[in-house]
């Protein structure tokens, strides 16, 4: 399973700015946005970037 968490980015969900929250991705699918940080997976530092839902 390819799994990672994106940290440090501003997140826009297509309607509103969610601020700087973690985005957990597994096998190319967003599993969660926000909430407690997932441990034991690769961390991608996206500080200064913006993540948005396409």
PDB file of N, CA and C in Angstrom:
ATOM      1  N   UNK A   1       0.848  -1.180   0.000  1.00  0.00           N
ATOM      2  CA  UNK A   1       0.000   0.000   0.000  1.00  0.00           C
ATOM      3  C   UNK A   1       0.890   1.238   0.000  1.00  0.00           C
ATOM      4  N   UNK A   2       0.605   2.170  -0.886  1.00  0.00           N
ATOM      5  CA  UNK A   2       1.303   3.449  -0.926  1.00  0.00           C
ATOM      6  C   UNK A   2       0.515   4.427  -0.062  1.00  0.00           C
ATOM      7  N   UNK A   3       1.124   4.875   1.032  1.00  0.00           N
ATOM      8  CA  UNK A   3       0.407   5.702   1.991  1.00  0.00           C
ATOM      9  C   UNK A   3       1.318   6.810   2.499  1.00  0.00           C
ATOM     10  N   UNK A   4       0.765   8.019   2.611  1.00  0.00           N
ATOM     11  CA  UNK A   4       1.530   9.145   3.120  1.00  0.00           C
ATOM     12  C   UNK A   4       0.589  10.198   3.671  1.00  0.00           C
ATOM     13  N   UNK A   5       1.156  11.159   4.395  1.00  0.00           N
ATOM     14  CA  UNK A   5       0.381  12.279   4.913  1.00  0.00           C
ATOM     15  C   UNK A   5       1.065  13.572   4.471  1.00  0.00           C
ATOM     16  N   UNK A   6       0.274  14.486   3.920  1.00  0.00           N
ATOM     17  CA  UNK A   6       0.772  15.788   3.495  1.00  0.00           C
ATOM     18  C   UNK A   6       0.575  16.746   4.662  1.00  0.00           C
ATOM     19  N   UNK A   7       1.638  17.420   5.076  1.00  0.00           N
ATOM     20  CA  UNK A   7       1.564  18.351   6.206  1.00  0.00           C
ATOM     21  C   UNK A   7       2.052  19.731   5.778  1.00  0.00           C
ATOM     22  N   UNK A   8       1.555  20.744   6.447  1.00  0.00           N
ATOM     23  CA  UNK A   8       2.057  22.098   6.264  1.00  0.00           C
ATOM     24  C   UNK A   8       1.409  22.905   5.164  1.00  0.00           C
ATOM     25  N   UNK A   9       0.573  22.285   4.340  1.00  0.00           N
ATOM     26  CA  UNK A   9      -0.059  23.017   3.234  1.00  0.00           C
ATOM     27  C   UNK A   9      -1.385  23.621   3.686  1.00  0.00           C
ATOM     28  N   UNK A  10      -1.755  24.726   3.059  1.00  0.00           N
ATOM     29  CA  UNK A  10      -3.098  25.271   3.223  1.00  0.00           C
ATOM     30  C   UNK A  10      -4.011  24.388   2.379  1.00  0.00           C
ATOM     31  N   UNK A  11      -5.201  24.067   2.892  1.00  0.00           N
ATOM     32  CA  UNK A  11      -6.105  23.165   2.185  1.00  0.00           C
ATOM     33  C   UNK A  11      -7.390  23.901   1.806  1.00  0.00           C
ATOM     34  N   UNK A  12      -7.769  23.786   0.529  1.00  0.00           N
ATOM     35  CA  UNK A  12      -9.004  24.360   0.007  1.00  0.00           C
ATOM     36  C   UNK A  12      -9.855  23.207  -0.503  1.00  0.00           C
ATOM     37  N   UNK A  13     -11.077  23.062   0.007  1.00  0.00           N
ATOM     38  CA  UNK A  13     -11.903  21.901  -0.346  1.00  0.00           C
ATOM     39  C   UNK A  13     -12.831  22.122  -1.536  1.00  0.00           C
ATOM     40  N   UNK A  14     -12.640  23.214  -2.252  1.00  0.00           N
ATOM     41  CA  UNK A  14     -13.487  23.515  -3.390  1.00  0.00           C
ATOM     42  C   UNK A  14     -14.551  24.538  -3.065  1.00  0.00           C
ATOM     43  N   UNK A  15     -14.796  24.729  -1.767  1.00  0.00           N
ATOM     44  CA  UNK A  15     -15.785  25.712  -1.324  1.00  0.00           C
ATOM     45  C   UNK A  15     -15.229  26.675  -0.285  1.00  0.00           C
ATOM     46  N   UNK A  16     -14.370  26.164   0.580  1.00  0.00           N
ATOM     47  CA  UNK A  16     -13.829  27.023   1.628  1.00  0.00           C
ATOM     48  C   UNK A  16     -12.399  26.640   1.969  1.00  0.00           C
ATOM     49  N   UNK A  17     -11.702  27.591   2.584  1.00  0.00           N
ATOM     50  CA  UNK A  17     -10.334  27.384   3.038  1.00  0.00           C
ATOM     51  C   UNK A  17     -10.389  26.677   4.389  1.00  0.00           C
ATOM     52  N   UNK A  18      -9.768  25.512   4.497  1.00  0.00           N
ATOM     53  CA  UNK A  18      -9.763  24.749   5.748  1.00  0.00           C
ATOM     54  C   UNK A  18      -8.571  25.084   6.625  1.00  0.00           C
ATOM     55  N   UNK A  19      -7.691  25.937   6.133  1.00  0.00           N
ATOM     56  CA  UNK A  19      -6.495  26.281   6.897  1.00  0.00           C
ATOM     57  C   UNK A  19      -5.407  25.252   6.665  1.00  0.00           C
ATOM     58  N   UNK A  20      -4.506  25.179   7.603  1.00  0.00           N
ATOM     59  CA  UNK A  20      -3.355  24.283   7.491  1.00  0.00           C
ATOM     60  C   UNK A  20      -3.672  22.991   8.239  1.00  0.00           C
ATOM     61  N   UNK A  21      -4.103  21.962   7.517  1.00  0.00           N
ATOM     62  CA  UNK A  21      -4.465  20.679   8.123  1.00  0.00           C
ATOM     63  C   UNK A  21      -3.758  19.547   7.379  1.00  0.00           C
ATOM     64  N   UNK A  22      -3.625  18.407   8.040  1.00  0.00           N
ATOM     65  CA  UNK A  22      -2.998  17.233   7.435  1.00  0.00           C
ATOM     66  C   UNK A  22      -3.960  16.576   6.443  1.00  0.00           C
ATOM     67  N   UNK A  23      -3.394  16.023   5.359  1.00  0.00           N
ATOM     68  CA  UNK A  23      -4.173  15.277   4.365  1.00  0.00           C
ATOM     69  C   UNK A  23      -3.564  13.880   4.274  1.00  0.00           C
ATOM     70  N   UNK A  24      -4.345  12.875   4.629  1.00  0.00           N
ATOM     71  CA  UNK A  24      -3.888  11.484   4.634  1.00  0.00           C
ATOM     72  C   UNK A  24      -4.313  10.840   3.315  1.00  0.00           C
ATOM     73  N   UNK A  25      -3.349  10.263   2.587  1.00  0.00           N
ATOM     74  CA  UNK A  25      -3.594   9.650   1.275  1.00  0.00           C
ATOM     75  C   UNK A  25      -3.137   8.195   1.319  1.00  0.00           C
ATOM     76  N   UNK A  26      -3.974   7.295   0.819  1.00  0.00           N
ATOM     77  CA  UNK A  26      -3.613   5.876   0.726  1.00  0.00           C
ATOM     78  C   UNK A  26      -4.020   5.357  -0.643  1.00  0.00           C
ATOM     79  N   UNK A  27      -3.076   4.766  -1.343  1.00  0.00           N
ATOM     80  CA  UNK A  27      -3.311   4.216  -2.685  1.00  0.00           C
ATOM     81  C   UNK A  27      -3.980   5.225  -3.615  1.00  0.00           C
ATOM     82  N   UNK A  28      -3.536   6.484  -3.548  1.00  0.00           N
ATOM     83  CA  UNK A  28      -4.033   7.517  -4.445  1.00  0.00           C
ATOM     84  C   UNK A  28      -5.379   8.111  -4.087  1.00  0.00           C
ATOM     85  N   UNK A  29      -5.926   7.735  -2.926  1.00  0.00           N
ATOM     86  CA  UNK A  29      -7.232   8.224  -2.498  1.00  0.00           C
ATOM     87  C   UNK A  29      -7.082   9.002  -1.195  1.00  0.00           C
ATOM     88  N   UNK A  30      -7.708  10.183  -1.121  1.00  0.00           N
ATOM     89  CA  UNK A  30      -7.695  10.950   0.132  1.00  0.00           C
ATOM     90  C   UNK A  30      -8.554  10.213   1.150  1.00  0.00           C
ATOM     91  N   UNK A  31      -7.936   9.827   2.255  1.00  0.00           N
ATOM     92  CA  UNK A  31      -8.616   9.075   3.305  1.00  0.00           C
ATOM     93  C   UNK A  31      -9.209  10.022   4.334  1.00  0.00           C
ATOM     94  N   UNK A  32      -8.462  11.075   4.688  1.00  0.00           N
ATOM     95  CA  UNK A  32      -8.973  12.035   5.664  1.00  0.00           C
ATOM     96  C   UNK A  32      -8.298  13.386   5.474  1.00  0.00           C
ATOM     97  N   UNK A  33      -9.024  14.409   5.893  1.00  0.00           N
ATOM     98  CA  UNK A  33      -8.517  15.776   5.883  1.00  0.00           C
ATOM     99  C   UNK A  33      -8.721  16.325   7.283  1.00  0.00           C
ATOM    100  N   UNK A  34      -7.632  16.713   7.927  1.00  0.00           N
ATOM    101  CA  UNK A  34      -7.714  17.164   9.312  1.00  0.00           C
ATOM    102  C   UNK A  34      -7.729  15.975  10.257  1.00  0.00           C
ATOM    103  N   UNK A  35      -8.063  16.235  11.480  1.00  0.00           N
ATOM    104  CA  UNK A  35      -8.088  15.168  12.473  1.00  0.00           C
ATOM    105  C   UNK A  35      -6.696  14.882  13.009  1.00  0.00           C
ATOM    106  N   UNK A  36      -6.590  13.832  13.809  1.00  0.00           N
ATOM    107  CA  UNK A  36      -5.284  13.505  14.394  1.00  0.00           C
ATOM    108  C   UNK A  36      -4.284  13.055  13.330  1.00  0.00           C
ATOM    109  N   UNK A  37      -3.025  13.383  13.550  1.00  0.00           N
ATOM    110  CA  UNK A  37      -1.969  13.014  12.603  1.00  0.00           C
ATOM    111  C   UNK A  37      -1.780  11.508  12.574  1.00  0.00           C
ATOM    112  N   UNK A  38      -1.719  10.961  11.375  1.00  0.00           N
ATOM    113  CA  UNK A  38      -1.463   9.535  11.174  1.00  0.00           C
ATOM    114  C   UNK A  38       0.017   9.282  11.434  1.00  0.00           C
ATOM    115  N   UNK A  39       0.331   8.240  12.172  1.00  0.00           N
ATOM    116  CA  UNK A  39       1.724   7.914  12.467  1.00  0.00           C
ATOM    117  C   UNK A  39       2.140   6.672  11.697  1.00  0.00           C
ATOM    118  N   UNK A  40       3.429   6.521  11.518  1.00  0.00           N
ATOM    119  CA  UNK A  40       3.975   5.331  10.886  1.00  0.00           C
ATOM    120  C   UNK A  40       3.913   5.341   9.371  1.00  0.00           C
ATOM    121  N   UNK A  41       3.627   6.512   8.769  1.00  0.00           N
ATOM    122  CA  UNK A  41       3.605   6.618   7.308  1.00  0.00           C
ATOM    123  C   UNK A  41       4.522   7.746   6.879  1.00  0.00           C
ATOM    124  N   UNK A  42       4.870   7.760   5.589  1.00  0.00           N
ATOM    125  CA  UNK A  42       5.728   8.813   5.054  1.00  0.00           C
ATOM    126  C   UNK A  42       5.066  10.178   5.234  1.00  0.00           C
ATOM    127  N   UNK A  43       5.859  11.178   5.587  1.00  0.00           N
ATOM    128  CA  UNK A  43       5.369  12.542   5.744  1.00  0.00           C
ATOM    129  C   UNK A  43       5.921  13.385   4.604  1.00  0.00           C
ATOM    130  N   UNK A  44       5.028  14.071   3.893  1.00  0.00           N
ATOM    131  CA  UNK A  44       5.407  14.965   2.808  1.00  0.00           C
ATOM    132  C   UNK A  44       5.226  16.394   3.313  1.00  0.00           C
ATOM    133  N   UNK A  45       6.317  17.137   3.427  1.00  0.00           N
ATOM    134  CA  UNK A  45       6.262  18.519   3.914  1.00  0.00           C
ATOM    135  C   UNK A  45       5.893  19.432   2.755  1.00  0.00           C
ATOM    136  N   UNK A  46       4.712  20.016   2.821  1.00  0.00           N
ATOM    137  CA  UNK A  46       4.214  20.885   1.759  1.00  0.00           C
ATOM    138  C   UNK A  46       4.085  22.334   2.246  1.00  0.00           C
ATOM    139  N   UNK A  47       4.907  22.702   3.222  1.00  0.00           N
ATOM    140  CA  UNK A  47       4.860  24.041   3.778  1.00  0.00           C
ATOM    141  C   UNK A  47       4.967  25.076   2.664  1.00  0.00           C
ATOM    142  N   UNK A  48       4.046  26.039   2.684  1.00  0.00           N
ATOM    143  CA  UNK A  48       4.029  27.097   1.685  1.00  0.00           C
ATOM    144  C   UNK A  48       3.194  26.780   0.460  1.00  0.00           C
ATOM    145  N   UNK A  49       2.732  25.534   0.336  1.00  0.00           N
ATOM    146  CA  UNK A  49       1.920  25.139  -0.820  1.00  0.00           C
ATOM    147  C   UNK A  49       0.442  25.176  -0.458  1.00  0.00           C
ATOM    148  N   UNK A  50      -0.396  25.012  -1.454  1.00  0.00           N
ATOM    149  CA  UNK A  50      -1.839  24.913  -1.254  1.00  0.00           C
ATOM    150  C   UNK A  50      -2.324  23.626  -1.891  1.00  0.00           C
ATOM    151  N   UNK A  51      -3.101  22.836  -1.150  1.00  0.00           N
ATOM    152  CA  UNK A  51      -3.731  21.635  -1.685  1.00  0.00           C
ATOM    153  C   UNK A  51      -5.183  21.969  -1.945  1.00  0.00           C
ATOM    154  N   UNK A  52      -5.684  21.545  -3.093  1.00  0.00           N
ATOM    155  CA  UNK A  52      -7.103  21.777  -3.372  1.00  0.00           C
ATOM    156  C   UNK A  52      -7.708  20.574  -4.067  1.00  0.00           C
ATOM    157  N   UNK A  53      -8.981  20.409  -3.857  1.00  0.00           N
ATOM    158  CA  UNK A  53      -9.709  19.304  -4.471  1.00  0.00           C
ATOM    159  C   UNK A  53     -10.010  19.696  -5.912  1.00  0.00           C
ATOM    160  N   UNK A  54      -9.714  18.807  -6.828  1.00  0.00           N
ATOM    161  CA  UNK A  54      -9.972  19.091  -8.247  1.00  0.00           C
ATOM    162  C   UNK A  54     -11.375  18.684  -8.631  1.00  0.00           C
TER     163      UNK A  54
END
